[in-house]
Amino acid sequence: MVSPERDEHTEDTEDTEDTEDEPRAERLQKLLARGGVASRRKAEELIAAGRVSVDGVTAQLGERATRAAEIRLDGRLLQLYRPPVSYLLNKPRGYVTTAADERGRPTVLELVPEEPGLHPVGRLDLDSEGLLLLTTDGDLTLRLTHPRYGQRKEYRVWCVEGQLSAEALRSLLAGVLLDDGPAAAVSAAAAPGGATIVLGEGRKRQVRRMLAEVGYEVERLKRTRVAGLELGDLPTGSWRLLQAEDFGALGYNPA
């Protein structure tokens, strides 16, 4: 049920189409990502490490498989054809963005229905709040977290020192030097008690660190938008399923 991949860089649209008698063959790493097993990059690592088998044979990078194939990871049969599930959560403060926490702190997965393979898309710090996506779709995770896509994220911040000065805003736009390299805001505008800042990347505690460099301590931080998807009036701690228009706002086609 496996065929060699013709070209490592061939677009996904060149996967063969389903017919009545023969299901579509797709890249193995794509099947693993769609099934929530891992991101495509991690799936490639699993395949290269010899941990994946197809119809009883150790898989190789560049293979394709159909839904009729028996795909296993470390000998465990995978169920890859559940429709992916994606949630938008208004994360409260005090929740860690992980599946489990060694210190026993509450996690964001406790706030949404339990789903096999469900994971947060990116991170929000323990003390941060706002828009957080959780999904079983590894392709969506890749689309929203890989630097090559440059997905923009908007944050509303409130600072101990109050509204940001024009000089501080100019510095954020010009770029500041952090311990892991330079960082600049895509846009930055003053707002009551702080500012609204848009970033095209997402490093650990990046907003807080950037503001510290221009002399401001963040008192409260709320993510309000990812790509074209806005948090809206969803109550804190509440969630909703993503709909077709939400995927469109993210520039992603889950089909």
Protein backbone atom coordinates (compact mmCIF):
# COMPACT_ATOMS: atom_id res chain seq x y z
CA MET A 1 0.00 0.00 0.00
CA VAL A 2 3.05 2.23 -0.23
CA SER A 3 4.68 3.95 -3.16
CA PRO A 4 7.88 6.00 -3.33
CA GLU A 5 7.59 9.76 -3.26
CA ARG A 6 8.39 11.23 -6.65
CA ASP A 7 9.81 14.51 -5.40
CA GLU A 8 10.48 15.62 -1.84
CA HIS A 9 9.25 19.11 -2.70
CA THR A 10 6.16 18.15 -4.72
CA GLU A 11 3.08 20.05 -3.57
CA ASP A 12 0.44 18.19 -1.59
CA THR A 13 -2.04 18.71 -4.41
CA GLU A 14 -0.14 16.09 -6.38
CA ASP A 15 -1.22 13.33 -4.01
CA THR A 16 -3.37 10.90 -5.94
CA GLU A 17 -7.11 11.39 -5.67
CA ASP A 18 -9.55 9.00 -4.03
CA THR A 19 -11.49 6.74 -6.34
CA GLU A 20 -14.35 4.43 -5.50
CA ASP A 21 -12.07 1.38 -5.42
CA GLU A 22 -8.73 2.89 -4.42
CA PRO A 23 -8.23 5.41 -1.60
CA ARG A 24 -5.76 8.25 -2.00
CA ALA A 25 -2.08 7.70 -1.25
CA GLU A 26 -0.51 10.53 0.75
CA ARG A 27 2.86 11.31 2.23
CA LEU A 28 3.33 9.27 5.37
CA GLN A 29 4.47 12.28 7.41
CA LYS A 30 1.32 14.12 6.35
CA LEU A 31 -0.87 11.26 7.54
CA LEU A 32 0.91 11.22 10.90
CA ALA A 33 0.56 14.99 11.28
CA ARG A 34 -3.10 15.02 10.32
CA GLY A 35 -3.77 12.23 12.80
CA GLY A 36 -2.31 14.30 15.62
CA VAL A 37 0.68 12.00 16.16
CA ALA A 38 3.28 14.70 15.61
CA SER A 39 4.14 17.69 13.46
CA ARG A 40 5.37 16.87 9.97
CA ARG A 41 8.95 17.62 10.94
CA LYS A 42 8.74 15.37 14.01
CA ALA A 43 6.96 12.70 11.95
CA GLU A 44 9.88 12.72 9.52
CA GLU A 45 12.23 12.18 12.45
CA LEU A 46 10.13 9.23 13.67
CA ILE A 47 10.20 7.68 10.20
CA ALA A 48 13.96 8.24 9.81
CA ALA A 49 14.52 6.61 13.22
CA GLY A 50 12.78 3.44 12.01
CA ARG A 51 9.94 3.74 14.52
CA VAL A 52 7.14 3.71 11.94
CA SER A 53 5.98 0.69 9.95
CA VAL A 54 3.50 0.34 7.11
CA ASP A 55 1.86 -3.04 6.52
CA GLY A 56 4.49 -4.70 8.68
CA VAL A 57 7.50 -3.15 6.90
CA THR A 58 9.69 -0.43 8.42
CA ALA A 59 8.80 2.80 6.67
CA GLN A 60 11.26 4.92 4.73
CA LEU A 61 11.29 8.68 4.15
CA GLY A 62 9.60 9.43 0.84
CA GLU A 63 6.91 6.79 1.11
CA ARG A 64 3.20 7.28 0.58
CA ALA A 65 0.42 5.27 2.17
CA THR A 66 -3.33 4.92 1.83
CA ARG A 67 -5.97 4.78 4.51
CA ALA A 68 -6.17 1.03 3.88
CA ALA A 69 -2.59 0.61 5.16
CA GLU A 70 -1.76 -0.62 8.65
CA ILE A 71 0.45 2.08 10.13
CA ARG A 72 2.20 1.51 13.45
CA LEU A 73 4.43 3.62 15.71
CA ASP A 74 6.73 1.61 17.97
CA GLY A 75 4.51 -1.38 17.22
CA ARG A 76 1.31 0.39 18.28
CA LEU A 77 -1.44 0.52 15.67
CA LEU A 78 -2.39 4.11 14.90
CA GLN A 79 -5.90 5.35 14.25
CA LEU A 80 -5.16 8.20 11.86
CA TYR A 81 -8.47 8.90 10.25
CA ARG A 82 -10.44 10.60 12.99
CA PRO A 83 -11.50 14.03 11.75
CA PRO A 84 -9.18 16.65 13.31
CA VAL A 85 -10.57 18.79 16.12
CA SER A 86 -9.52 22.38 16.83
CA TYR A 87 -10.56 24.66 19.69
CA LEU A 88 -10.20 28.37 20.36
CA LEU A 89 -9.70 28.93 24.09
CA ASN A 90 -9.67 32.19 26.03
CA LYS A 91 -6.87 31.14 28.36
CA PRO A 92 -7.04 32.47 31.92
CA ARG A 93 -4.01 33.38 33.98
CA GLY A 94 -2.58 30.62 36.14
CA TYR A 95 -2.72 27.81 33.55
CA VAL A 96 0.38 26.35 31.91
CA THR A 97 0.36 25.66 28.18
CA THR A 98 1.42 22.02 28.36
CA ALA A 99 -0.25 18.62 28.44
CA ALA A 100 1.06 17.92 31.95
CA ASP A 101 3.04 19.82 34.57
CA GLU A 102 5.60 18.25 36.89
CA ARG A 103 4.78 20.86 39.55
CA GLY A 104 1.09 20.00 39.54
CA ARG A 105 -0.10 23.32 38.18
CA PRO A 106 -3.35 23.35 36.17
CA THR A 107 -2.94 22.97 32.40
CA VAL A 108 -4.95 24.36 29.50
CA LEU A 109 -6.00 20.84 28.51
CA GLU A 110 -8.14 20.75 31.65
CA LEU A 111 -10.28 23.54 30.18
CA VAL A 112 -11.32 21.80 26.93
CA PRO A 113 -12.88 18.40 26.08
CA GLU A 114 -10.48 15.49 26.09
CA GLU A 115 -9.37 14.39 22.62
CA PRO A 116 -6.59 11.94 21.65
CA GLY A 117 -3.65 13.87 20.25
CA LEU A 118 -4.94 17.28 21.35
CA HIS A 119 -2.13 19.77 21.96
CA PRO A 120 -1.67 23.54 22.32
CA VAL A 121 -0.55 25.48 19.25
CA GLY A 122 2.40 27.46 20.54
CA ARG A 123 2.49 28.86 24.05
CA LEU A 124 1.15 31.48 26.37
CA ASP A 125 3.00 32.06 29.63
CA LEU A 126 1.51 31.08 32.99
CA ASP A 127 0.73 34.72 33.76
CA SER A 128 -0.54 35.54 30.25
CA GLU A 129 -4.08 35.18 28.97
CA GLY A 130 -6.15 35.32 25.81
CA LEU A 131 -6.36 33.53 22.49
CA LEU A 132 -4.89 30.04 22.48
CA LEU A 133 -5.57 27.38 19.86
CA LEU A 134 -5.56 23.67 20.65
CA THR A 135 -5.80 21.06 17.91
CA THR A 136 -5.27 17.45 16.88
CA ASP A 137 -4.17 18.67 13.43
CA GLY A 138 -0.38 18.67 13.11
CA ASP A 139 -0.54 20.54 9.80
CA LEU A 140 -2.38 23.43 11.45
CA THR A 141 0.24 23.51 14.21
CA LEU A 142 3.01 23.71 11.62
CA ARG A 143 1.22 26.48 9.71
CA LEU A 144 0.87 28.62 12.83
CA THR A 145 4.21 28.00 14.55
CA HIS A 146 6.89 27.55 11.88
CA PRO A 147 8.88 30.79 11.37
CA ARG A 148 8.66 30.54 7.59
CA TYR A 149 4.95 31.36 7.70
CA GLY A 150 5.47 34.51 9.78
CA GLN A 151 2.01 34.38 11.33
CA ARG A 152 1.26 37.62 13.13
CA LYS A 153 -0.03 37.71 16.68
CA GLU A 154 -1.52 40.72 18.44
CA TYR A 155 -1.15 41.43 22.16
CA ARG A 156 -2.80 43.97 24.43
CA VAL A 157 -0.49 44.84 27.30
CA TRP A 158 -0.92 46.88 30.46
CA CYS A 159 2.23 48.16 32.17
CA VAL A 160 3.15 49.24 35.68
CA GLU A 161 4.43 52.52 34.23
CA GLY A 162 1.21 53.09 32.24
CA GLN A 163 0.84 54.00 28.58
CA LEU A 164 3.95 53.63 26.43
CA SER A 165 5.70 56.79 25.29
CA ALA A 166 6.23 57.65 21.64
CA GLU A 167 9.96 57.01 22.12
CA ALA A 168 9.33 53.51 23.52
CA LEU A 169 7.03 52.70 20.61
CA ARG A 170 9.66 53.85 18.11
CA SER A 171 12.24 51.65 19.82
CA LEU A 172 9.97 48.59 19.61
CA LEU A 173 9.41 49.19 15.90
CA ALA A 174 13.12 49.78 15.23
CA GLY A 175 14.04 46.67 17.20
CA VAL A 176 15.67 45.85 20.50
CA LEU A 177 18.43 43.40 21.29
CA LEU A 178 17.38 40.41 23.43
CA ASP A 179 19.63 37.69 24.80
CA ASP A 180 18.52 35.40 21.94
CA GLY A 181 18.92 38.00 19.19
CA PRO A 182 17.30 41.16 17.87
CA ALA A 183 13.52 41.53 17.92
CA ALA A 184 11.20 44.12 16.43
CA ALA A 185 7.47 44.67 16.53
CA VAL A 186 5.49 44.60 13.28
CA SER A 187 3.34 47.36 14.75
CA ALA A 188 3.05 49.09 18.12
CA ALA A 189 0.48 51.63 19.24
CA ALA A 190 -0.18 53.33 22.55
CA ALA A 191 -3.29 52.23 24.45
CA PRO A 192 -4.70 53.18 27.86
CA GLY A 193 -2.39 51.78 30.50
CA GLY A 194 0.01 50.25 27.98
CA ALA A 195 0.04 49.38 24.28
CA THR A 196 -1.14 47.08 21.51
CA ILE A 197 1.75 45.19 19.92
CA VAL A 198 1.88 42.88 16.89
CA LEU A 199 4.71 40.38 16.44
CA GLY A 200 5.58 38.20 13.47
CA GLU A 201 7.35 35.59 15.59
CA GLY A 202 6.89 33.97 18.98
CA ARG A 203 9.82 33.47 21.30
CA LYS A 204 9.60 32.68 24.99
CA ARG A 205 8.22 35.65 26.96
CA GLN A 206 9.13 37.85 23.99
CA VAL A 207 6.65 40.68 24.58
CA ARG A 208 7.64 41.01 28.23
CA ARG A 209 11.34 40.98 27.41
CA MET A 210 10.97 43.55 24.62
CA LEU A 211 9.07 45.92 26.86
CA ALA A 212 11.62 45.48 29.63
CA GLU A 213 14.27 46.64 27.16
CA VAL A 214 12.43 49.93 26.65
CA GLY A 215 11.83 50.45 30.37
CA TYR A 216 8.36 49.02 30.94
CA GLU A 217 7.23 46.19 33.21
CA VAL A 218 4.22 44.21 31.98
CA GLU A 219 1.43 43.98 34.52
CA ARG A 220 -1.05 42.15 32.32
CA LEU A 221 -0.73 40.58 28.86
CA LYS A 222 -3.57 39.31 26.68
CA ARG A 223 -3.28 37.82 23.19
CA THR A 224 -6.19 39.07 21.10
CA ARG A 225 -5.47 37.85 17.56
CA VAL A 226 -3.60 35.12 15.66
CA ALA A 227 -3.28 35.80 11.92
CA GLY A 228 -6.80 36.98 10.99
CA LEU A 229 -8.56 35.13 13.82
CA GLU A 230 -9.68 37.34 16.69
CA LEU A 231 -10.55 36.39 20.25
CA GLY A 232 -13.70 38.48 20.19
CA ASP A 233 -16.01 38.39 23.21
CA LEU A 234 -15.36 34.78 24.24
CA PRO A 235 -15.44 34.73 28.06
CA THR A 236 -12.27 33.97 30.00
CA GLY A 237 -11.86 30.20 30.48
CA SER A 238 -14.36 29.40 27.72
CA TRP A 239 -13.73 27.63 24.43
CA ARG A 240 -15.41 27.03 21.09
CA LEU A 241 -14.82 24.76 18.11
CA LEU A 242 -13.19 26.35 15.10
CA GLN A 243 -15.52 26.76 12.14
CA ALA A 244 -14.82 27.05 8.41
CA GLU A 245 -14.60 30.83 8.58
CA ASP A 246 -12.05 30.57 11.40
CA PHE A 247 -9.78 28.38 9.30
CA GLY A 248 -10.16 30.91 6.50
CA ALA A 249 -9.04 33.67 8.87
CA LEU A 250 -5.98 31.56 9.67
CA GLY A 251 -5.24 31.04 5.98
CA TYR A 252 -5.56 27.29 6.39
CA ASN A 253 -7.60 24.68 4.54
CA PRO A 254 -8.10 21.60 6.74
CA ALA A 255 -9.49 19.48 3.88
